[in-house]
């Protein structure tokens, strides 16, 4: 365990955020340490967290556009792969189901489904229960893309899981609750449009 006092060599300035988020670091010292990072109030901490969330969201948006190789001469974006994965995991999904699953508009889900059907990854059929609803399923090429995505992101998920395993169950649960709250706020904002 690190000697976590204000008197450690180098002072608070040489603490990094990982040290501040470990179970061995008492909350009062963490808050006092954040004070020394220029975060004096709860509002300061919230604003800093929102700035970091925005940075992460922008990086995630860039990652969503990176190509995943399915086979020679065939690539899909991560965003396309995620729709393929969702349809493959559920065997069949409606466009409405996809929109709800990803938190996007039905129009956005429909556009991506049409694009993937045009590329030969998805098959669109009239849903048996509705004349207005389309049912999506994977083609053989779609299943190959599904497998490529599983392979590609399996390594990523293992890496992320290993990196986050240093945090306690309570810290991960807190993060999950905070993200749900932020997601709810975003839903409210989107319904105001």
C-alpha atoms as a PDB file:
ATOM      1  CA  UNK A   1       0.000   0.000   0.000  1.00  0.00           C
ATOM      2  CA  UNK A   2       1.271   3.463  -0.895  1.00  0.00           C
ATOM      3  CA  UNK A   3       1.918   5.953   1.891  1.00  0.00           C
ATOM      4  CA  UNK A   4      -1.069   8.139   1.038  1.00  0.00           C
ATOM      5  CA  UNK A   5      -0.630  11.251   3.093  1.00  0.00           C
ATOM      6  CA  UNK A   6      -0.182  14.880   2.114  1.00  0.00           C
ATOM      7  CA  UNK A   7       3.434  14.450   3.180  1.00  0.00           C
ATOM      8  CA  UNK A   8       4.443  11.832   0.626  1.00  0.00           C
ATOM      9  CA  UNK A   9       7.450  12.627  -1.536  1.00  0.00           C
ATOM     10  CA  UNK A  10       6.459  15.087  -4.221  1.00  0.00           C
ATOM     11  CA  UNK A  11       3.236  16.061  -2.431  1.00  0.00           C
ATOM     12  CA  UNK A  12      -0.210  15.758  -3.937  1.00  0.00           C
ATOM     13  CA  UNK A  13       0.974  16.827  -7.362  1.00  0.00           C
ATOM     14  CA  UNK A  14       2.575  13.467  -8.136  1.00  0.00           C
ATOM     15  CA  UNK A  15      -0.601  11.522  -7.350  1.00  0.00           C
ATOM     16  CA  UNK A  16      -2.366  10.246 -10.410  1.00  0.00           C
ATOM     17  CA  UNK A  17      -6.080   9.626 -10.831  1.00  0.00           C
ATOM     18  CA  UNK A  18      -5.634   5.840 -10.680  1.00  0.00           C
ATOM     19  CA  UNK A  19      -4.155   6.163  -7.193  1.00  0.00           C
ATOM     20  CA  UNK A  20      -7.046   8.399  -6.216  1.00  0.00           C
ATOM     21  CA  UNK A  21      -9.593   5.785  -7.261  1.00  0.00           C
ATOM     22  CA  UNK A  22      -8.252   2.725  -5.467  1.00  0.00           C
ATOM     23  CA  UNK A  23      -9.970   1.148  -2.465  1.00  0.00           C
ATOM     24  CA  UNK A  24      -6.909   1.849  -0.338  1.00  0.00           C
ATOM     25  CA  UNK A  25      -7.374   5.588  -0.722  1.00  0.00           C
ATOM     26  CA  UNK A  26      -9.743   7.021   1.915  1.00  0.00           C
ATOM     27  CA  UNK A  27     -12.551   9.223   0.589  1.00  0.00           C
ATOM     28  CA  UNK A  28     -11.640  12.255   2.694  1.00  0.00           C
ATOM     29  CA  UNK A  29      -8.067  12.144   1.405  1.00  0.00           C
ATOM     30  CA  UNK A  30      -9.362  11.700  -2.132  1.00  0.00           C
ATOM     31  CA  UNK A  31     -11.589  14.766  -1.866  1.00  0.00           C
ATOM     32  CA  UNK A  32      -8.773  16.753  -0.250  1.00  0.00           C
ATOM     33  CA  UNK A  33      -6.433  15.584  -2.988  1.00  0.00           C
ATOM     34  CA  UNK A  34      -8.882  16.681  -5.681  1.00  0.00           C
ATOM     35  CA  UNK A  35      -8.985  20.065  -3.996  1.00  0.00           C
ATOM     36  CA  UNK A  36      -5.281  20.306  -4.783  1.00  0.00           C
ATOM     37  CA  UNK A  37      -6.045  19.435  -8.419  1.00  0.00           C
ATOM     38  CA  UNK A  38      -8.070  22.684  -8.584  1.00  0.00           C
ATOM     39  CA  UNK A  39     -11.431  21.072  -7.879  1.00  0.00           C
ATOM     40  CA  UNK A  40     -12.760  22.883  -4.858  1.00  0.00           C
ATOM     41  CA  UNK A  41     -16.464  22.059  -4.912  1.00  0.00           C
ATOM     42  CA  UNK A  42     -18.852  19.280  -5.829  1.00  0.00           C
ATOM     43  CA  UNK A  43     -19.883  21.383  -8.842  1.00  0.00           C
ATOM     44  CA  UNK A  44     -16.225  21.527  -9.935  1.00  0.00           C
ATOM     45  CA  UNK A  45     -16.025  17.733  -9.738  1.00  0.00           C
ATOM     46  CA  UNK A  46     -19.267  17.317 -11.697  1.00  0.00           C
ATOM     47  CA  UNK A  47     -18.067  19.718 -14.400  1.00  0.00           C
ATOM     48  CA  UNK A  48     -14.715  17.916 -14.626  1.00  0.00           C
ATOM     49  CA  UNK A  49     -16.508  14.556 -14.905  1.00  0.00           C
ATOM     50  CA  UNK A  50     -18.765  15.907 -17.673  1.00  0.00           C
ATOM     51  CA  UNK A  51     -15.740  17.259 -19.573  1.00  0.00           C
ATOM     52  CA  UNK A  52     -14.082  13.840 -19.307  1.00  0.00           C
ATOM     53  CA  UNK A  53     -17.286  12.100 -20.418  1.00  0.00           C
ATOM     54  CA  UNK A  54     -17.440  14.374 -23.489  1.00  0.00           C
ATOM     55  CA  UNK A  55     -13.823  13.553 -24.326  1.00  0.00           C
ATOM     56  CA  UNK A  56     -14.560   9.833 -24.017  1.00  0.00           C
ATOM     57  CA  UNK A  57     -17.736  10.184 -26.123  1.00  0.00           C
ATOM     58  CA  UNK A  58     -15.784  11.899 -28.910  1.00  0.00           C
ATOM     59  CA  UNK A  59     -13.136   9.171 -28.864  1.00  0.00           C
ATOM     60  CA  UNK A  60     -15.854   6.510 -28.907  1.00  0.00           C
ATOM     61  CA  UNK A  61     -17.461   8.199 -31.932  1.00  0.00           C
ATOM     62  CA  UNK A  62     -14.093   7.999 -33.727  1.00  0.00           C
ATOM     63  CA  UNK A  63     -13.740   4.315 -32.800  1.00  0.00           C
ATOM     64  CA  UNK A  64     -17.246   3.625 -34.155  1.00  0.00           C
ATOM     65  CA  UNK A  65     -15.981   4.651 -37.609  1.00  0.00           C
ATOM     66  CA  UNK A  66     -12.900   2.401 -37.618  1.00  0.00           C
ATOM     67  CA  UNK A  67     -13.074  -0.482 -40.104  1.00  0.00           C
ATOM     68  CA  UNK A  68     -13.279  -4.140 -39.138  1.00  0.00           C
ATOM     69  CA  UNK A  69     -12.065  -6.592 -41.760  1.00  0.00           C
ATOM     70  CA  UNK A  70     -14.626  -9.320 -42.438  1.00  0.00           C
ATOM     71  CA  UNK A  71     -12.754 -11.024 -45.262  1.00  0.00           C
ATOM     72  CA  UNK A  72     -10.558 -10.048 -48.188  1.00  0.00           C
ATOM     73  CA  UNK A  73     -11.957  -6.831 -49.652  1.00  0.00           C
ATOM     74  CA  UNK A  74     -14.874  -6.621 -47.196  1.00  0.00           C
ATOM     75  CA  UNK A  75     -14.863  -4.223 -44.251  1.00  0.00           C
ATOM     76  CA  UNK A  76     -17.511  -2.811 -41.940  1.00  0.00           C
ATOM     77  CA  UNK A  77     -17.434   0.033 -39.447  1.00  0.00           C
ATOM     78  CA  UNK A  78     -17.729  -0.648 -35.744  1.00  0.00           C
ATOM     79  CA  UNK A  79     -21.184   0.974 -35.814  1.00  0.00           C
ATOM     80  CA  UNK A  80     -22.280  -1.433 -38.550  1.00  0.00           C
ATOM     81  CA  UNK A  81     -20.746  -4.334 -36.630  1.00  0.00           C
ATOM     82  CA  UNK A  82     -22.736  -3.422 -33.527  1.00  0.00           C
ATOM     83  CA  UNK A  83     -26.020  -3.594 -35.437  1.00  0.00           C
ATOM     84  CA  UNK A  84     -24.952  -6.908 -36.969  1.00  0.00           C
ATOM     85  CA  UNK A  85     -24.063  -8.167 -33.487  1.00  0.00           C
ATOM     86  CA  UNK A  86     -27.425  -7.106 -32.028  1.00  0.00           C
ATOM     87  CA  UNK A  87     -29.397  -8.757 -34.840  1.00  0.00           C
ATOM     88  CA  UNK A  88     -27.234 -11.897 -34.633  1.00  0.00           C
ATOM     89  CA  UNK A  89     -27.597 -12.215 -30.862  1.00  0.00           C
ATOM     90  CA  UNK A  90     -31.384 -11.903 -31.098  1.00  0.00           C
ATOM     91  CA  UNK A  91     -31.607 -13.939 -34.348  1.00  0.00           C
ATOM     92  CA  UNK A  92     -34.312 -11.558 -35.569  1.00  0.00           C
ATOM     93  CA  UNK A  93     -35.038  -7.957 -34.639  1.00  0.00           C
ATOM     94  CA  UNK A  94     -37.379  -5.301 -35.916  1.00  0.00           C
ATOM     95  CA  UNK A  95     -36.113  -1.859 -36.883  1.00  0.00           C
ATOM     96  CA  UNK A  96     -37.952  -0.517 -33.823  1.00  0.00           C
ATOM     97  CA  UNK A  97     -36.153  -3.061 -31.602  1.00  0.00           C
ATOM     98  CA  UNK A  98     -32.804  -1.913 -33.016  1.00  0.00           C
ATOM     99  CA  UNK A  99     -33.679   1.751 -32.411  1.00  0.00           C
ATOM    100  CA  UNK A 100     -34.616   1.019 -28.793  1.00  0.00           C
ATOM    101  CA  UNK A 101     -31.544  -1.192 -28.272  1.00  0.00           C
ATOM    102  CA  UNK A 102     -29.130   1.549 -29.402  1.00  0.00           C
ATOM    103  CA  UNK A 103     -31.076   4.578 -28.193  1.00  0.00           C
ATOM    104  CA  UNK A 104     -31.370   6.065 -31.682  1.00  0.00           C
ATOM    105  CA  UNK A 105     -34.321   7.175 -33.757  1.00  0.00           C
ATOM    106  CA  UNK A 106     -36.258   4.647 -35.796  1.00  0.00           C
ATOM    107  CA  UNK A 107     -35.194   6.592 -38.893  1.00  0.00           C
ATOM    108  CA  UNK A 108     -31.482   6.245 -38.031  1.00  0.00           C
ATOM    109  CA  UNK A 109     -31.897   2.513 -37.349  1.00  0.00           C
ATOM    110  CA  UNK A 110     -33.787   2.085 -40.626  1.00  0.00           C
ATOM    111  CA  UNK A 111     -31.105   3.926 -42.616  1.00  0.00           C
ATOM    112  CA  UNK A 112     -28.324   1.756 -41.201  1.00  0.00           C
ATOM    113  CA  UNK A 113     -30.380  -1.409 -41.753  1.00  0.00           C
ATOM    114  CA  UNK A 114     -30.979  -0.390 -45.384  1.00  0.00           C
ATOM    115  CA  UNK A 115     -27.259   0.285 -45.843  1.00  0.00           C
ATOM    116  CA  UNK A 116     -26.324  -3.116 -44.372  1.00  0.00           C
ATOM    117  CA  UNK A 117     -28.974  -4.880 -46.461  1.00  0.00           C
ATOM    118  CA  UNK A 118     -27.558  -3.164 -49.553  1.00  0.00           C
ATOM    119  CA  UNK A 119     -24.084  -4.440 -48.672  1.00  0.00           C
ATOM    120  CA  UNK A 120     -25.459  -7.970 -48.241  1.00  0.00           C
ATOM    121  CA  UNK A 121     -25.121  -8.297 -44.449  1.00  0.00           C
ATOM    122  CA  UNK A 122     -28.798  -8.093 -43.486  1.00  0.00           C
ATOM    123  CA  UNK A 123     -32.011  -9.389 -44.905  1.00  0.00           C
ATOM    124  CA  UNK A 124     -35.146  -7.259 -44.444  1.00  0.00           C
ATOM    125  CA  UNK A 125     -38.596  -8.872 -44.458  1.00  0.00           C
ATOM    126  CA  UNK A 126     -42.078  -7.701 -43.662  1.00  0.00           C
ATOM    127  CA  UNK A 127     -42.804  -8.562 -40.020  1.00  0.00           C
ATOM    128  CA  UNK A 128     -45.594 -11.146 -39.706  1.00  0.00           C
ATOM    129  CA  UNK A 129     -47.376  -9.087 -37.034  1.00  0.00           C
ATOM    130  CA  UNK A 130     -47.316  -5.689 -38.799  1.00  0.00           C
ATOM    131  CA  UNK A 131     -47.435  -4.278 -42.323  1.00  0.00           C
ATOM    132  CA  UNK A 132     -45.411  -1.255 -41.178  1.00  0.00           C
ATOM    133  CA  UNK A 133     -42.618  -3.111 -39.382  1.00  0.00           C
ATOM    134  CA  UNK A 134     -39.565  -4.745 -40.930  1.00  0.00           C
ATOM    135  CA  UNK A 135     -37.868  -7.789 -39.444  1.00  0.00           C
ATOM    136  CA  UNK A 136     -34.087  -8.028 -39.760  1.00  0.00           C
ATOM    137  CA  UNK A 137     -31.960 -11.169 -39.911  1.00  0.00           C
ATOM    138  CA  UNK A 138     -28.365 -11.909 -40.876  1.00  0.00           C
ATOM    139  CA  UNK A 139     -27.287 -13.300 -44.231  1.00  0.00           C
ATOM    140  CA  UNK A 140     -24.341 -15.700 -44.531  1.00  0.00           C
ATOM    141  CA  UNK A 141     -22.079 -12.675 -45.066  1.00  0.00           C
ATOM    142  CA  UNK A 142     -23.717 -11.087 -42.019  1.00  0.00           C
ATOM    143  CA  UNK A 143     -22.834 -14.127 -39.912  1.00  0.00           C
ATOM    144  CA  UNK A 144     -19.208 -13.921 -41.109  1.00  0.00           C
ATOM    145  CA  UNK A 145     -19.197 -10.246 -40.091  1.00  0.00           C
ATOM    146  CA  UNK A 146     -20.716 -11.247 -36.732  1.00  0.00           C
ATOM    147  CA  UNK A 147     -17.853 -13.715 -36.171  1.00  0.00           C
ATOM    148  CA  UNK A 148     -15.232 -11.155 -37.274  1.00  0.00           C
ATOM    149  CA  UNK A 149     -16.660  -8.620 -34.838  1.00  0.00           C
ATOM    150  CA  UNK A 150     -16.692 -11.175 -32.009  1.00  0.00           C
ATOM    151  CA  UNK A 151     -13.027 -11.948 -32.670  1.00  0.00           C
ATOM    152  CA  UNK A 152     -12.043  -8.283 -33.074  1.00  0.00           C
ATOM    153  CA  UNK A 153     -13.846  -7.014 -29.985  1.00  0.00           C
ATOM    154  CA  UNK A 154     -13.321 -10.096 -27.841  1.00  0.00           C
ATOM    155  CA  UNK A 155      -9.723  -9.017 -27.327  1.00  0.00           C
ATOM    156  CA  UNK A 156     -10.853  -5.432 -26.611  1.00  0.00           C
ATOM    157  CA  UNK A 157     -13.406  -6.584 -24.033  1.00  0.00           C
ATOM    158  CA  UNK A 158     -10.823  -8.760 -22.275  1.00  0.00           C
ATOM    159  CA  UNK A 159      -8.407  -5.815 -22.168  1.00  0.00           C
ATOM    160  CA  UNK A 160     -11.063  -3.418 -20.821  1.00  0.00           C
ATOM    161  CA  UNK A 161     -12.242  -5.953 -18.237  1.00  0.00           C
ATOM    162  CA  UNK A 162      -8.669  -6.489 -17.038  1.00  0.00           C
ATOM    163  CA  UNK A 163      -8.020  -2.735 -16.815  1.00  0.00           C
ATOM    164  CA  UNK A 164     -11.226  -2.111 -14.853  1.00  0.00           C
ATOM    165  CA  UNK A 165     -10.794  -5.114 -12.549  1.00  0.00           C
ATOM    166  CA  UNK A 166      -8.579  -3.003 -10.255  1.00  0.00           C
ATOM    167  CA  UNK A 167     -11.702  -1.120  -9.166  1.00  0.00           C
ATOM    168  CA  UNK A 168     -14.011  -2.449  -6.469  1.00  0.00           C
ATOM    169  CA  UNK A 169     -17.493  -3.754  -7.151  1.00  0.00           C
ATOM    170  CA  UNK A 170     -18.841  -0.685  -5.353  1.00  0.00           C
ATOM    171  CA  UNK A 171     -16.870   1.681  -7.612  1.00  0.00           C
ATOM    172  CA  UNK A 172     -18.039  -0.095 -10.752  1.00  0.00           C
ATOM    173  CA  UNK A 173     -21.637  -0.104  -9.477  1.00  0.00           C
ATOM    174  CA  UNK A 174     -21.371   3.628  -8.745  1.00  0.00           C
ATOM    175  CA  UNK A 175     -20.084   4.261 -12.259  1.00  0.00           C
ATOM    176  CA  UNK A 176     -22.959   2.246 -13.683  1.00  0.00           C
ATOM    177  CA  UNK A 177     -25.534   4.231 -11.692  1.00  0.00           C
ATOM    178  CA  UNK A 178     -23.932   7.535 -12.713  1.00  0.00           C
ATOM    179  CA  UNK A 179     -23.938   6.532 -16.385  1.00  0.00           C
ATOM    180  CA  UNK A 180     -27.609   5.522 -16.125  1.00  0.00           C
ATOM    181  CA  UNK A 181     -28.405   8.938 -14.618  1.00  0.00           C
ATOM    182  CA  UNK A 182     -26.514  10.712 -17.404  1.00  0.00           C
ATOM    183  CA  UNK A 183     -28.275   8.526 -19.981  1.00  0.00           C
ATOM    184  CA  UNK A 184     -31.631   9.488 -18.478  1.00  0.00           C
ATOM    185  CA  UNK A 185     -30.716  13.183 -18.675  1.00  0.00           C
ATOM    186  CA  UNK A 186     -29.763  12.718 -22.332  1.00  0.00           C
ATOM    187  CA  UNK A 187     -33.075  10.930 -23.014  1.00  0.00           C
ATOM    188  CA  UNK A 188     -34.928  13.906 -21.501  1.00  0.00           C
ATOM    189  CA  UNK A 189     -32.970  16.309 -23.678  1.00  0.00           C
ATOM    190  CA  UNK A 190     -33.636  14.262 -26.815  1.00  0.00           C
ATOM    191  CA  UNK A 191     -37.388  14.143 -26.158  1.00  0.00           C
ATOM    192  CA  UNK A 192     -37.464  17.962 -25.997  1.00  0.00           C
ATOM    193  CA  UNK A 193     -36.425  18.185 -29.669  1.00  0.00           C
END
